[in-house]
Amino acid sequence: MFKLYIVTGAAGHLGTAIIRALQQKGVSIRGLIQPGQRPTAGPGTRYFTGDICDAATLRPLFEGVPAGDTAVIHTAGIVDIAQRGTDRLWQVNVLGTQNMIDCCQRYQIARLVYVSSVHAIPERGQLNTVREVAHFSPDLLVGGYAKTKAAATRRVLLAAAAGLDAVVVHPSGILGPYSDGGNHLVQMVEDYMNGRLPACVRGAYDFVDVRDVADGCVAAADRGRRGRCYILSGDQYTVKEVLELVRRTAGGRKLAALPMWVARAVCPAISWIQRRRGRRPLYTPYALHTLTAGSRFSHERASRELGYTTRDLAVTVADTVCWLREGAVRGT
């Protein structure tokens, strides 16, 4: 355990869960948020406004930190399910991570935990289990998001090889309470609850509770091995199975599961309708690709070395529904 923990993306879905987990430990916390964000209040927590793409705005976050007794958990980034990458995606996910690496080196940070993604790891097909790898190449991946996470992961591991005490975690599809509205999977649950989801697709993904990932991040800070990567996954479920869990908790109608060829054909029309309604499209070509990749992820290393555990997805879905209902009451 460290004297101080710094969490970037502290008002985001995972960042909020990490802040909550750390507050239960009674440690000192600094959180980095963007202007206008509303972070989680709590004991021992101070928030700083800044931009990971602007190194000058990060200085107050690091000033006066206990040298050699501070851990940084870097969650800030953009999750993008579009097929192609953008300059902004590269700037935030890659160059922003490089800024955090530089700050950790400059201020003698004891441990950096970088939150990567399972999508930074090359796919292995439906019959194989994906495990941690030591080398990362954007050229082996599909989608701009995956490529930027691989590029950033490679920079973190290079820094670790050069002397920085850094570890990497790879979450799968995060679901659960505390979402600020930016999580696509939580949006899927919310759209279903509000009758805005016309159909689901025949595909599967690995879903994991945000609170389990948060605990895994903290464990990686406290007990992870330098230069090591840890997959923080849950279990694989079809989209239909997840929505059935939502239906059992919140009610609603059963949805038809579209064959993937149909989903790909109607994807442009559905995306256009979603944008007209002011909603982010959920069924993009890249999202459909991930649902058919069929990758199964092993978190055996994280369980063995970090004590990582996961809860039943039914509990996760029920708590997500409860959080969304409470948000509707709060007007958020």
C-alpha atoms as a PDB file:
ATOM      1  CA  MET A   1       0.000   0.000   0.000  1.00  0.00           C
ATOM      2  CA  PHE A   2       1.245   3.457  -0.903  1.00  0.00           C
ATOM      3  CA  LYS A   3       0.965   6.737   0.961  1.00  0.00           C
ATOM      4  CA  LEU A   4      -0.731   8.455  -2.003  1.00  0.00           C
ATOM      5  CA  TYR A   5      -2.638   7.248  -5.059  1.00  0.00           C
ATOM      6  CA  ILE A   6      -3.172   9.408  -8.139  1.00  0.00           C
ATOM      7  CA  VAL A   7      -6.059   8.415 -10.425  1.00  0.00           C
ATOM      8  CA  THR A   8      -6.510   9.936 -13.875  1.00  0.00           C
ATOM      9  CA  GLY A   9      -9.928   9.868 -15.494  1.00  0.00           C
ATOM     10  CA  ALA A  10     -11.228  10.089 -11.935  1.00  0.00           C
ATOM     11  CA  ALA A  11     -14.778  11.073 -12.949  1.00  0.00           C
ATOM     12  CA  GLY A  12     -15.104   8.308 -15.543  1.00  0.00           C
ATOM     13  CA  HIS A  13     -16.760   4.944 -15.023  1.00  0.00           C
ATOM     14  CA  LEU A  14     -13.672   2.979 -13.990  1.00  0.00           C
ATOM     15  CA  GLY A  15     -11.985   5.977 -12.365  1.00  0.00           C
ATOM     16  CA  THR A  16     -14.985   6.525 -10.095  1.00  0.00           C
ATOM     17  CA  ALA A  17     -14.980   2.858  -9.058  1.00  0.00           C
ATOM     18  CA  ILE A  18     -11.252   3.033  -8.285  1.00  0.00           C
ATOM     19  CA  ILE A  19     -11.732   6.174  -6.190  1.00  0.00           C
ATOM     20  CA  ARG A  20     -14.479   4.414  -4.229  1.00  0.00           C
ATOM     21  CA  ALA A  21     -12.280   1.348  -3.680  1.00  0.00           C
ATOM     22  CA  LEU A  22      -9.371   3.475  -2.465  1.00  0.00           C
ATOM     23  CA  GLN A  23     -11.589   5.515  -0.159  1.00  0.00           C
ATOM     24  CA  GLN A  24     -12.520   2.309   1.635  1.00  0.00           C
ATOM     25  CA  LYS A  25      -8.824   1.748   2.355  1.00  0.00           C
ATOM     26  CA  GLY A  26      -8.467   5.149   4.035  1.00  0.00           C
ATOM     27  CA  VAL A  27      -5.534   6.274   1.877  1.00  0.00           C
ATOM     28  CA  SER A  28      -4.782   9.708   0.434  1.00  0.00           C
ATOM     29  CA  ILE A  29      -6.062  10.171  -3.121  1.00  0.00           C
ATOM     30  CA  ARG A  30      -5.628  12.722  -5.873  1.00  0.00           C
ATOM     31  CA  GLY A  31      -7.966  12.541  -8.840  1.00  0.00           C
ATOM     32  CA  LEU A  32      -7.537  14.172 -12.251  1.00  0.00           C
ATOM     33  CA  ILE A  33     -10.766  15.373 -13.858  1.00  0.00           C
ATOM     34  CA  GLN A  34     -11.726  17.524 -16.824  1.00  0.00           C
ATOM     35  CA  PRO A  35     -13.412  20.920 -16.497  1.00  0.00           C
ATOM     36  CA  GLY A  36     -17.119  20.619 -15.710  1.00  0.00           C
ATOM     37  CA  GLN A  37     -16.981  17.037 -14.449  1.00  0.00           C
ATOM     38  CA  ARG A  38     -18.581  16.118 -11.129  1.00  0.00           C
ATOM     39  CA  PRO A  39     -16.382  13.696  -9.202  1.00  0.00           C
ATOM     40  CA  THR A  40     -17.246  11.436  -6.284  1.00  0.00           C
ATOM     41  CA  ALA A  41     -16.777  13.197  -2.943  1.00  0.00           C
ATOM     42  CA  GLY A  42     -15.230  11.273  -0.107  1.00  0.00           C
ATOM     43  CA  PRO A  43     -12.607  11.217   2.631  1.00  0.00           C
ATOM     44  CA  GLY A  44      -8.975  11.804   1.796  1.00  0.00           C
ATOM     45  CA  THR A  45      -9.674  12.777  -1.812  1.00  0.00           C
ATOM     46  CA  ARG A  46      -8.609  15.934  -3.661  1.00  0.00           C
ATOM     47  CA  TYR A  47      -9.428  16.652  -7.283  1.00  0.00           C
ATOM     48  CA  PHE A  48      -7.365  18.544  -9.812  1.00  0.00           C
ATOM     49  CA  THR A  49      -8.574  19.827 -13.166  1.00  0.00           C
ATOM     50  CA  GLY A  50      -6.272  19.110 -16.069  1.00  0.00           C
ATOM     51  CA  ASP A  51      -5.752  17.591 -19.501  1.00  0.00           C
ATOM     52  CA  ILE A  52      -3.444  14.628 -20.046  1.00  0.00           C
ATOM     53  CA  CYS A  53      -2.660  16.039 -23.491  1.00  0.00           C
ATOM     54  CA  ASP A  54      -1.325  19.257 -21.927  1.00  0.00           C
ATOM     55  CA  ALA A  55       1.668  18.456 -19.726  1.00  0.00           C
ATOM     56  CA  ALA A  56       1.644  21.912 -18.108  1.00  0.00           C
ATOM     57  CA  THR A  57      -1.813  21.284 -16.602  1.00  0.00           C
ATOM     58  CA  LEU A  58      -0.546  18.122 -14.902  1.00  0.00           C
ATOM     59  CA  ARG A  59       2.030  19.852 -12.705  1.00  0.00           C
ATOM     60  CA  PRO A  60      -0.347  20.754  -9.838  1.00  0.00           C
ATOM     61  CA  LEU A  61      -1.474  17.111  -9.727  1.00  0.00           C
ATOM     62  CA  PHE A  62       2.087  15.968  -9.030  1.00  0.00           C
ATOM     63  CA  GLU A  63       3.424  18.833  -6.923  1.00  0.00           C
ATOM     64  CA  GLY A  64       4.484  17.826  -3.437  1.00  0.00           C
ATOM     65  CA  VAL A  65       3.813  14.103  -3.885  1.00  0.00           C
ATOM     66  CA  PRO A  66       5.700  11.724  -1.559  1.00  0.00           C
ATOM     67  CA  ALA A  67       8.656  10.678  -3.700  1.00  0.00           C
ATOM     68  CA  GLY A  68       8.947   6.895  -3.787  1.00  0.00           C
ATOM     69  CA  ASP A  69       5.622   6.383  -2.012  1.00  0.00           C
ATOM     70  CA  THR A  70       3.074   7.362  -4.669  1.00  0.00           C
ATOM     71  CA  ALA A  71       1.227   5.176  -7.170  1.00  0.00           C
ATOM     72  CA  VAL A  72      -0.457   6.415 -10.345  1.00  0.00           C
ATOM     73  CA  ILE A  73      -3.406   4.547 -11.862  1.00  0.00           C
ATOM     74  CA  HIS A  74      -3.859   5.924 -15.373  1.00  0.00           C
ATOM     75  CA  THR A  75      -7.402   5.260 -16.595  1.00  0.00           C
ATOM     76  CA  ALA A  76      -7.964   8.409 -18.668  1.00  0.00           C
ATOM     77  CA  GLY A  77      -8.572   7.727 -22.347  1.00  0.00           C
ATOM     78  CA  ILE A  78     -11.117   7.567 -25.120  1.00  0.00           C
ATOM     79  CA  VAL A  79     -13.074   4.389 -25.846  1.00  0.00           C
ATOM     80  CA  ASP A  80     -14.139   4.539 -29.480  1.00  0.00           C
ATOM     81  CA  ILE A  81     -16.078   1.817 -31.321  1.00  0.00           C
ATOM     82  CA  ALA A  82     -15.663   3.461 -34.711  1.00  0.00           C
ATOM     83  CA  GLN A  83     -13.690   1.506 -37.288  1.00  0.00           C
ATOM     84  CA  ARG A  84     -11.108   4.172 -38.028  1.00  0.00           C
ATOM     85  CA  GLY A  85      -8.945   6.088 -35.609  1.00  0.00           C
ATOM     86  CA  THR A  86      -8.786   9.859 -35.322  1.00  0.00           C
ATOM     87  CA  ASP A  87      -6.069  12.338 -34.453  1.00  0.00           C
ATOM     88  CA  ARG A  88      -7.834  13.034 -31.151  1.00  0.00           C
ATOM     89  CA  LEU A  89      -7.877   9.318 -30.306  1.00  0.00           C
ATOM     90  CA  TRP A  90      -4.116   9.119 -30.868  1.00  0.00           C
ATOM     91  CA  GLN A  91      -3.439  12.306 -28.932  1.00  0.00           C
ATOM     92  CA  VAL A  92      -5.381  11.200 -25.865  1.00  0.00           C
ATOM     93  CA  ASN A  93      -4.668   7.472 -25.760  1.00  0.00           C
ATOM     94  CA  VAL A  94      -1.037   7.507 -26.881  1.00  0.00           C
ATOM     95  CA  LEU A  95       0.477  10.962 -26.401  1.00  0.00           C
ATOM     96  CA  GLY A  96      -1.522  11.520 -23.203  1.00  0.00           C
ATOM     97  CA  THR A  97      -0.116   8.265 -21.839  1.00  0.00           C
ATOM     98  CA  GLN A  98       3.383   9.388 -22.787  1.00  0.00           C
ATOM     99  CA  ASN A  99       2.817  12.577 -20.782  1.00  0.00           C
ATOM    100  CA  MET A 100       1.894  10.450 -17.759  1.00  0.00           C
ATOM    101  CA  ILE A 101       5.010   8.322 -18.239  1.00  0.00           C
ATOM    102  CA  ASP A 102       7.127  11.487 -18.310  1.00  0.00           C
ATOM    103  CA  CYS A 103       5.477  12.814 -15.141  1.00  0.00           C
ATOM    104  CA  CYS A 104       6.037   9.515 -13.336  1.00  0.00           C
ATOM    105  CA  GLN A 105       9.718   9.629 -14.214  1.00  0.00           C
ATOM    106  CA  ARG A 106      10.091  13.307 -13.327  1.00  0.00           C
ATOM    107  CA  TYR A 107       8.361  13.084  -9.944  1.00  0.00           C
ATOM    108  CA  GLN A 108       9.862   9.719  -8.893  1.00  0.00           C
ATOM    109  CA  ILE A 109       6.544   7.901  -8.805  1.00  0.00           C
ATOM    110  CA  ALA A 110       6.905   4.473  -7.210  1.00  0.00           C
ATOM    111  CA  ARG A 111       4.435   2.622  -9.415  1.00  0.00           C
ATOM    112  CA  LEU A 112       2.460   3.329 -12.610  1.00  0.00           C
ATOM    113  CA  VAL A 113      -0.563   1.185 -13.460  1.00  0.00           C
ATOM    114  CA  TYR A 114      -1.658   1.702 -17.043  1.00  0.00           C
ATOM    115  CA  VAL A 115      -5.204   0.666 -17.913  1.00  0.00           C
ATOM    116  CA  SER A 116      -4.942  -0.760 -21.404  1.00  0.00           C
ATOM    117  CA  SER A 117      -7.577  -3.045 -22.965  1.00  0.00           C
ATOM    118  CA  VAL A 118      -7.957  -6.660 -24.051  1.00  0.00           C
ATOM    119  CA  HIS A 119      -8.295  -5.196 -27.546  1.00  0.00           C
ATOM    120  CA  ALA A 120      -4.598  -4.315 -27.457  1.00  0.00           C
ATOM    121  CA  ILE A 121      -3.878  -8.062 -27.578  1.00  0.00           C
ATOM    122  CA  PRO A 122      -4.113  -9.785 -30.996  1.00  0.00           C
ATOM    123  CA  GLU A 123      -7.224 -11.902 -31.501  1.00  0.00           C
ATOM    124  CA  ARG A 124      -6.789 -15.671 -31.610  1.00  0.00           C
ATOM    125  CA  GLY A 125     -10.099 -16.873 -32.997  1.00  0.00           C
ATOM    126  CA  GLN A 126     -13.095 -18.553 -31.443  1.00  0.00           C
ATOM    127  CA  LEU A 127     -11.411 -21.803 -30.416  1.00  0.00           C
ATOM    128  CA  ASN A 128      -8.467 -20.259 -28.574  1.00  0.00           C
ATOM    129  CA  THR A 129      -8.071 -18.540 -25.224  1.00  0.00           C
ATOM    130  CA  VAL A 130      -6.340 -15.163 -25.172  1.00  0.00           C
ATOM    131  CA  ARG A 131      -3.640 -14.736 -22.546  1.00  0.00           C
ATOM    132  CA  GLU A 132      -1.168 -11.978 -21.775  1.00  0.00           C
ATOM    133  CA  VAL A 133       1.550 -11.129 -24.290  1.00  0.00           C
ATOM    134  CA  ALA A 134       4.827  -9.275 -23.857  1.00  0.00           C
ATOM    135  CA  HIS A 135       4.961  -7.416 -27.172  1.00  0.00           C
ATOM    136  CA  PHE A 136       2.375  -5.172 -28.800  1.00  0.00           C
ATOM    137  CA  SER A 137       1.936  -4.111 -32.416  1.00  0.00           C
ATOM    138  CA  PRO A 138      -0.867  -1.880 -33.711  1.00  0.00           C
ATOM    139  CA  ASP A 139      -0.394  -3.428 -37.158  1.00  0.00           C
ATOM    140  CA  LEU A 140      -1.796  -6.743 -35.911  1.00  0.00           C
ATOM    141  CA  LEU A 141      -5.080  -5.234 -34.746  1.00  0.00           C
ATOM    142  CA  VAL A 142      -8.417  -4.114 -36.156  1.00  0.00           C
ATOM    143  CA  GLY A 143      -9.878  -0.708 -35.263  1.00  0.00           C
ATOM    144  CA  GLY A 144      -8.427   2.644 -34.291  1.00  0.00           C
ATOM    145  CA  TYR A 145      -9.121   2.175 -30.582  1.00  0.00           C
ATOM    146  CA  ALA A 146      -7.287  -1.144 -30.396  1.00  0.00           C
ATOM    147  CA  LYS A 147      -4.324   0.254 -32.312  1.00  0.00           C
ATOM    148  CA  THR A 148      -3.937   3.244 -29.968  1.00  0.00           C
ATOM    149  CA  LYS A 149      -4.163   1.068 -26.845  1.00  0.00           C
ATOM    150  CA  ALA A 150      -1.487  -1.247 -28.241  1.00  0.00           C
ATOM    151  CA  ALA A 151       0.759   1.702 -29.097  1.00  0.00           C
ATOM    152  CA  ALA A 152       0.335   3.184 -25.618  1.00  0.00           C
ATOM    153  CA  THR A 153       0.929  -0.184 -23.946  1.00  0.00           C
ATOM    154  CA  ARG A 154       4.141  -0.600 -25.884  1.00  0.00           C
ATOM    155  CA  ARG A 155       5.361   2.795 -24.621  1.00  0.00           C
ATOM    156  CA  VAL A 156       4.588   1.867 -21.019  1.00  0.00           C
ATOM    157  CA  LEU A 157       6.470  -1.425 -21.291  1.00  0.00           C
ATOM    158  CA  LEU A 158       9.441   0.284 -22.933  1.00  0.00           C
ATOM    159  CA  ALA A 159       9.523   2.716 -20.007  1.00  0.00           C
ATOM    160  CA  ALA A 160       9.370  -0.229 -17.612  1.00  0.00           C
ATOM    161  CA  ALA A 161      12.305  -1.857 -19.381  1.00  0.00           C
ATOM    162  CA  ALA A 162      14.193   1.432 -19.002  1.00  0.00           C
ATOM    163  CA  GLY A 163      13.642   1.546 -15.241  1.00  0.00           C
ATOM    164  CA  LEU A 164      10.123   2.850 -14.537  1.00  0.00           C
ATOM    165  CA  ASP A 165       8.167   0.607 -12.175  1.00  0.00           C
ATOM    166  CA  ALA A 166       5.089   0.114 -14.330  1.00  0.00           C
ATOM    167  CA  VAL A 167       2.489  -2.609 -14.839  1.00  0.00           C
ATOM    168  CA  VAL A 168      -0.351  -2.946 -17.353  1.00  0.00           C
ATOM    169  CA  VAL A 169      -3.905  -4.186 -16.884  1.00  0.00           C
ATOM    170  CA  HIS A 170      -6.217  -5.235 -19.711  1.00  0.00           C
ATOM    171  CA  PRO A 171      -9.933  -5.024 -18.824  1.00  0.00           C
ATOM    172  CA  SER A 172     -12.536  -6.619 -21.053  1.00  0.00           C
ATOM    173  CA  GLY A 173     -16.092  -5.237 -21.494  1.00  0.00           C
ATOM    174  CA  ILE A 174     -16.802  -3.183 -18.388  1.00  0.00           C
ATOM    175  CA  LEU A 175     -20.343  -3.065 -17.030  1.00  0.00           C
ATOM    176  CA  GLY A 176     -21.763  -1.970 -13.684  1.00  0.00           C
ATOM    177  CA  PRO A 177     -22.861   1.011 -11.589  1.00  0.00           C
ATOM    178  CA  TYR A 178     -21.220   4.448 -11.309  1.00  0.00           C
ATOM    179  CA  SER A 179     -21.267   5.124 -15.057  1.00  0.00           C
ATOM    180  CA  ASP A 180     -21.094   8.787 -16.038  1.00  0.00           C
ATOM    181  CA  GLY A 181     -22.867   8.076 -19.329  1.00  0.00           C
ATOM    182  CA  GLY A 182     -19.771   7.370 -21.400  1.00  0.00           C
ATOM    183  CA  ASN A 183     -19.874   3.575 -21.263  1.00  0.00           C
ATOM    184  CA  HIS A 184     -21.288   1.960 -24.421  1.00  0.00           C
ATOM    185  CA  LEU A 185     -22.312  -1.260 -22.645  1.00  0.00           C
ATOM    186  CA  VAL A 186     -24.170   0.637 -19.931  1.00  0.00           C
ATOM    187  CA  GLN A 187     -25.833   2.624 -22.722  1.00  0.00           C
ATOM    188  CA  MET A 188     -27.008  -0.675 -24.233  1.00  0.00           C
ATOM    189  CA  VAL A 189     -28.680  -1.589 -20.931  1.00  0.00           C
ATOM    190  CA  GLU A 190     -30.210   1.876 -20.617  1.00  0.00           C
ATOM    191  CA  ASP A 191     -31.473   1.872 -24.204  1.00  0.00           C
ATOM    192  CA  TYR A 192     -33.124  -1.506 -23.622  1.00  0.00           C
ATOM    193  CA  MET A 193     -34.758  -0.309 -20.395  1.00  0.00           C
ATOM    194  CA  ASN A 194     -36.134   2.748 -22.203  1.00  0.00           C
ATOM    195  CA  GLY A 195     -37.405   0.807 -25.213  1.00  0.00           C
ATOM    196  CA  ARG A 196     -34.849   2.370 -27.559  1.00  0.00           C
ATOM    197  CA  LEU A 197     -33.146  -0.865 -28.574  1.00  0.00           C
ATOM    198  CA  PRO A 198     -35.017  -2.310 -31.583  1.00  0.00           C
ATOM    199  CA  ALA A 199     -33.129  -5.617 -31.674  1.00  0.00           C
ATOM    200  CA  CYS A 200     -30.005  -7.369 -30.530  1.00  0.00           C
ATOM    201  CA  VAL A 201     -27.450  -9.248 -32.574  1.00  0.00           C
ATOM    202  CA  ARG A 202     -26.127 -12.784 -32.504  1.00  0.00           C
ATOM    203  CA  GLY A 203     -22.762 -12.238 -30.982  1.00  0.00           C
ATOM    204  CA  ALA A 204     -20.869 -12.619 -27.716  1.00  0.00           C
ATOM    205  CA  TYR A 205     -18.438 -10.630 -25.632  1.00  0.00           C
ATOM    206  CA  ASP A 206     -16.556 -10.890 -22.352  1.00  0.00           C
ATOM    207  CA  PHE A 207     -18.301  -8.828 -19.647  1.00  0.00           C
ATOM    208  CA  VAL A 208     -16.770  -7.850 -16.304  1.00  0.00           C
ATOM    209  CA  ASP A 209     -17.973  -5.786 -13.345  1.00  0.00           C
ATOM    210  CA  VAL A 210     -16.391  -2.335 -13.042  1.00  0.00           C
ATOM    211  CA  ARG A 211     -15.894  -2.892  -9.303  1.00  0.00           C
ATOM    212  CA  ASP A 212     -13.908  -6.064  -9.944  1.00  0.00           C
ATOM    213  CA  VAL A 213     -11.720  -4.231 -12.459  1.00  0.00           C
ATOM    214  CA  ALA A 214     -11.228  -1.392  -9.946  1.00  0.00           C
ATOM    215  CA  ASP A 215     -10.104  -3.864  -7.292  1.00  0.00           C
ATOM    216  CA  GLY A 216      -7.787  -5.441  -9.864  1.00  0.00           C
ATOM    217  CA  CYS A 217      -6.238  -2.057 -10.661  1.00  0.00           C
ATOM    218  CA  VAL A 218      -5.585  -1.337  -6.985  1.00  0.00           C
ATOM    219  CA  ALA A 219      -4.142  -4.831  -6.519  1.00  0.00           C
ATOM    220  CA  ALA A 220      -1.882  -4.268  -9.529  1.00  0.00           C
ATOM    221  CA  ALA A 221      -0.626  -1.080  -7.891  1.00  0.00           C
ATOM    222  CA  ASP A 222       0.029  -2.822  -4.598  1.00  0.00           C
ATOM    223  CA  ARG A 223       1.176  -6.287  -5.695  1.00  0.00           C
ATOM    224  CA  GLY A 224       1.798  -6.338  -9.442  1.00  0.00           C
ATOM    225  CA  ARG A 225       5.192  -7.213 -10.880  1.00  0.00           C
ATOM    226  CA  ARG A 226       7.121  -4.575 -12.789  1.00  0.00           C
ATOM    227  CA  GLY A 227       6.812  -4.909 -16.572  1.00  0.00           C
ATOM    228  CA  ARG A 228       3.987  -7.428 -16.170  1.00  0.00           C
ATOM    229  CA  CYS A 229       0.594  -7.429 -17.922  1.00  0.00           C
ATOM    230  CA  TYR A 230      -2.617  -8.683 -16.322  1.00  0.00           C
ATOM    231  CA  ILE A 231      -5.916  -9.451 -18.062  1.00  0.00           C
ATOM    232  CA  LEU A 232      -8.889  -8.339 -15.952  1.00  0.00           C
ATOM    233  CA  SER A 233     -11.725 -10.201 -17.649  1.00  0.00           C
ATOM    234  CA  GLY A 234     -14.989 -11.805 -16.579  1.00  0.00           C
ATOM    235  CA  ASP A 235     -16.917 -14.379 -18.577  1.00  0.00           C
ATOM    236  CA  GLN A 236     -18.257 -14.542 -22.107  1.00  0.00           C
ATOM    237  CA  TYR A 237     -21.981 -13.962 -22.647  1.00  0.00           C
ATOM    238  CA  THR A 238     -24.084 -13.446 -25.732  1.00  0.00           C
ATOM    239  CA  VAL A 239     -25.774 -10.079 -26.102  1.00  0.00           C
ATOM    240  CA  LYS A 240     -29.116 -11.861 -25.853  1.00  0.00           C
ATOM    241  CA  GLU A 241     -28.115 -13.428 -22.516  1.00  0.00           C
ATOM    242  CA  VAL A 242     -27.131 -10.052 -21.080  1.00  0.00           C
ATOM    243  CA  LEU A 243     -30.374  -8.414 -22.173  1.00  0.00           C
ATOM    244  CA  GLU A 244     -32.332 -11.342 -20.735  1.00  0.00           C
ATOM    245  CA  LEU A 245     -30.698 -10.604 -17.368  1.00  0.00           C
ATOM    246  CA  VAL A 246     -31.777  -6.984 -17.751  1.00  0.00           C
ATOM    247  CA  ARG A 247     -35.324  -8.090 -18.609  1.00  0.00           C
ATOM    248  CA  ARG A 248     -35.538 -10.284 -15.510  1.00  0.00           C
ATOM    249  CA  THR A 249     -34.523  -7.330 -13.331  1.00  0.00           C
ATOM    250  CA  ALA A 250     -36.199  -4.377 -15.042  1.00  0.00           C
ATOM    251  CA  GLY A 251     -38.893  -5.937 -17.202  1.00  0.00           C
ATOM    252  CA  GLY A 252     -39.266  -5.280 -20.896  1.00  0.00           C
ATOM    253  CA  ARG A 253     -39.928  -7.216 -24.057  1.00  0.00           C
ATOM    254  CA  LYS A 254     -37.865  -9.967 -25.589  1.00  0.00           C
ATOM    255  CA  LEU A 255     -35.823  -8.808 -28.555  1.00  0.00           C
ATOM    256  CA  ALA A 256     -35.175 -10.639 -31.776  1.00  0.00           C
ATOM    257  CA  ALA A 257     -31.528 -11.581 -32.289  1.00  0.00           C
ATOM    258  CA  LEU A 258     -30.500 -10.530 -35.776  1.00  0.00           C
ATOM    259  CA  PRO A 259     -28.122 -12.768 -37.720  1.00  0.00           C
ATOM    260  CA  MET A 260     -24.803 -10.997 -38.155  1.00  0.00           C
ATOM    261  CA  TRP A 261     -25.229 -10.608 -41.924  1.00  0.00           C
ATOM    262  CA  VAL A 262     -28.507  -8.793 -41.318  1.00  0.00           C
ATOM    263  CA  ALA A 263     -26.932  -6.623 -38.606  1.00  0.00           C
ATOM    264  CA  ARG A 264     -24.123  -5.612 -40.944  1.00  0.00           C
ATOM    265  CA  ALA A 265     -26.621  -4.768 -43.692  1.00  0.00           C
ATOM    266  CA  VAL A 266     -28.801  -2.531 -41.496  1.00  0.00           C
ATOM    267  CA  CYS A 267     -25.914  -1.067 -39.461  1.00  0.00           C
ATOM    268  CA  PRO A 268     -25.664   2.183 -41.503  1.00  0.00           C
ATOM    269  CA  ALA A 269     -29.407   2.824 -41.212  1.00  0.00           C
ATOM    270  CA  ILE A 270     -29.491   2.136 -37.469  1.00  0.00           C
ATOM    271  CA  SER A 271     -26.481   4.376 -36.913  1.00  0.00           C
ATOM    272  CA  TRP A 272     -28.145   7.188 -38.869  1.00  0.00           C
ATOM    273  CA  ILE A 273     -31.332   6.874 -36.809  1.00  0.00           C
ATOM    274  CA  GLN A 274     -29.372   6.879 -33.547  1.00  0.00           C
ATOM    275  CA  ARG A 275     -27.492  10.031 -34.500  1.00  0.00           C
ATOM    276  CA  ARG A 276     -30.732  11.762 -35.495  1.00  0.00           C
ATOM    277  CA  ARG A 277     -32.048  10.978 -32.017  1.00  0.00           C
ATOM    278  CA  GLY A 278     -28.929  12.361 -30.371  1.00  0.00           C
ATOM    279  CA  ARG A 279     -27.680   8.928 -29.291  1.00  0.00           C
ATOM    280  CA  ARG A 280     -24.329   7.306 -30.001  1.00  0.00           C
ATOM    281  CA  PRO A 281     -24.586   4.340 -32.371  1.00  0.00           C
ATOM    282  CA  LEU A 282     -23.982   1.040 -30.602  1.00  0.00           C
ATOM    283  CA  TYR A 283     -23.887  -1.238 -33.637  1.00  0.00           C
ATOM    284  CA  THR A 284     -20.899  -0.038 -35.648  1.00  0.00           C
ATOM    285  CA  PRO A 285     -18.819  -2.206 -37.987  1.00  0.00           C
ATOM    286  CA  TYR A 286     -16.081  -2.391 -35.345  1.00  0.00           C
ATOM    287  CA  ALA A 287     -18.556  -3.293 -32.584  1.00  0.00           C
ATOM    288  CA  LEU A 288     -20.003  -6.063 -34.752  1.00  0.00           C
ATOM    289  CA  HIS A 289     -16.482  -7.308 -35.434  1.00  0.00           C
ATOM    290  CA  THR A 290     -15.743  -7.629 -31.715  1.00  0.00           C
ATOM    291  CA  LEU A 291     -18.992  -9.528 -31.156  1.00  0.00           C
ATOM    292  CA  THR A 292     -18.043 -12.117 -33.781  1.00  0.00           C
ATOM    293  CA  ALA A 293     -14.356 -12.432 -32.884  1.00  0.00           C
ATOM    294  CA  GLY A 294     -15.345 -14.949 -30.217  1.00  0.00           C
ATOM    295  CA  SER A 295     -12.227 -14.366 -28.149  1.00  0.00           C
ATOM    296  CA  ARG A 296     -12.172 -15.875 -24.679  1.00  0.00           C
ATOM    297  CA  PHE A 297      -9.879 -14.225 -22.170  1.00  0.00           C
ATOM    298  CA  SER A 298      -8.067 -15.838 -19.278  1.00  0.00           C
ATOM    299  CA  HIS A 299      -7.547 -13.879 -16.050  1.00  0.00           C
ATOM    300  CA  GLU A 300      -5.679 -16.770 -14.439  1.00  0.00           C
ATOM    301  CA  ARG A 301      -2.488 -14.735 -13.999  1.00  0.00           C
ATOM    302  CA  ALA A 302      -4.344 -11.880 -12.286  1.00  0.00           C
ATOM    303  CA  SER A 303      -6.136 -14.352 -10.022  1.00  0.00           C
ATOM    304  CA  ARG A 304      -2.880 -16.074  -9.084  1.00  0.00           C
ATOM    305  CA  GLU A 305      -0.653 -13.018  -8.592  1.00  0.00           C
ATOM    306  CA  LEU A 306      -3.130 -10.278  -7.619  1.00  0.00           C
ATOM    307  CA  GLY A 307      -5.903 -12.219  -5.898  1.00  0.00           C
ATOM    308  CA  TYR A 308      -8.297 -11.020  -8.604  1.00  0.00           C
ATOM    309  CA  THR A 309     -11.880 -12.314  -8.381  1.00  0.00           C
ATOM    310  CA  THR A 310     -15.102 -11.643 -10.282  1.00  0.00           C
ATOM    311  CA  ARG A 311     -18.764 -11.632  -9.321  1.00  0.00           C
ATOM    312  CA  ASP A 312     -21.758 -13.135 -11.094  1.00  0.00           C
ATOM    313  CA  LEU A 313     -22.947 -11.066 -14.043  1.00  0.00           C
ATOM    314  CA  ALA A 314     -26.537 -11.233 -12.767  1.00  0.00           C
ATOM    315  CA  VAL A 315     -25.424  -9.171  -9.760  1.00  0.00           C
ATOM    316  CA  THR A 316     -23.632  -6.723 -12.036  1.00  0.00           C
ATOM    317  CA  VAL A 317     -26.680  -6.264 -14.257  1.00  0.00           C
ATOM    318  CA  ALA A 318     -29.037  -5.826 -11.289  1.00  0.00           C
ATOM    319  CA  ASP A 319     -26.762  -3.162  -9.772  1.00  0.00           C
ATOM    320  CA  THR A 320     -26.446  -1.433 -13.145  1.00  0.00           C
ATOM    321  CA  VAL A 321     -30.233  -1.284 -13.478  1.00  0.00           C
ATOM    322  CA  CYS A 322     -30.519   0.085  -9.942  1.00  0.00           C
ATOM    323  CA  TRP A 323     -27.886   2.753 -10.688  1.00  0.00           C
ATOM    324  CA  LEU A 324     -29.654   3.833 -13.876  1.00  0.00           C
ATOM    325  CA  ARG A 325     -33.008   4.045 -12.098  1.00  0.00           C
ATOM    326  CA  GLU A 326     -31.507   6.112  -9.300  1.00  0.00           C
ATOM    327  CA  GLY A 327     -29.922   8.353 -11.931  1.00  0.00           C
ATOM    328  CA  ALA A 328     -33.324   8.909 -13.531  1.00  0.00           C
ATOM    329  CA  VAL A 329     -34.653   9.992 -10.125  1.00  0.00           C
ATOM    330  CA  ARG A 330     -31.660  12.283  -9.623  1.00  0.00           C
ATOM    331  CA  GLY A 331     -32.160  13.708 -13.098  1.00  0.00           C
ATOM    332  CA  THR A 332     -28.660  12.750 -14.224  1.00  0.00           C
END
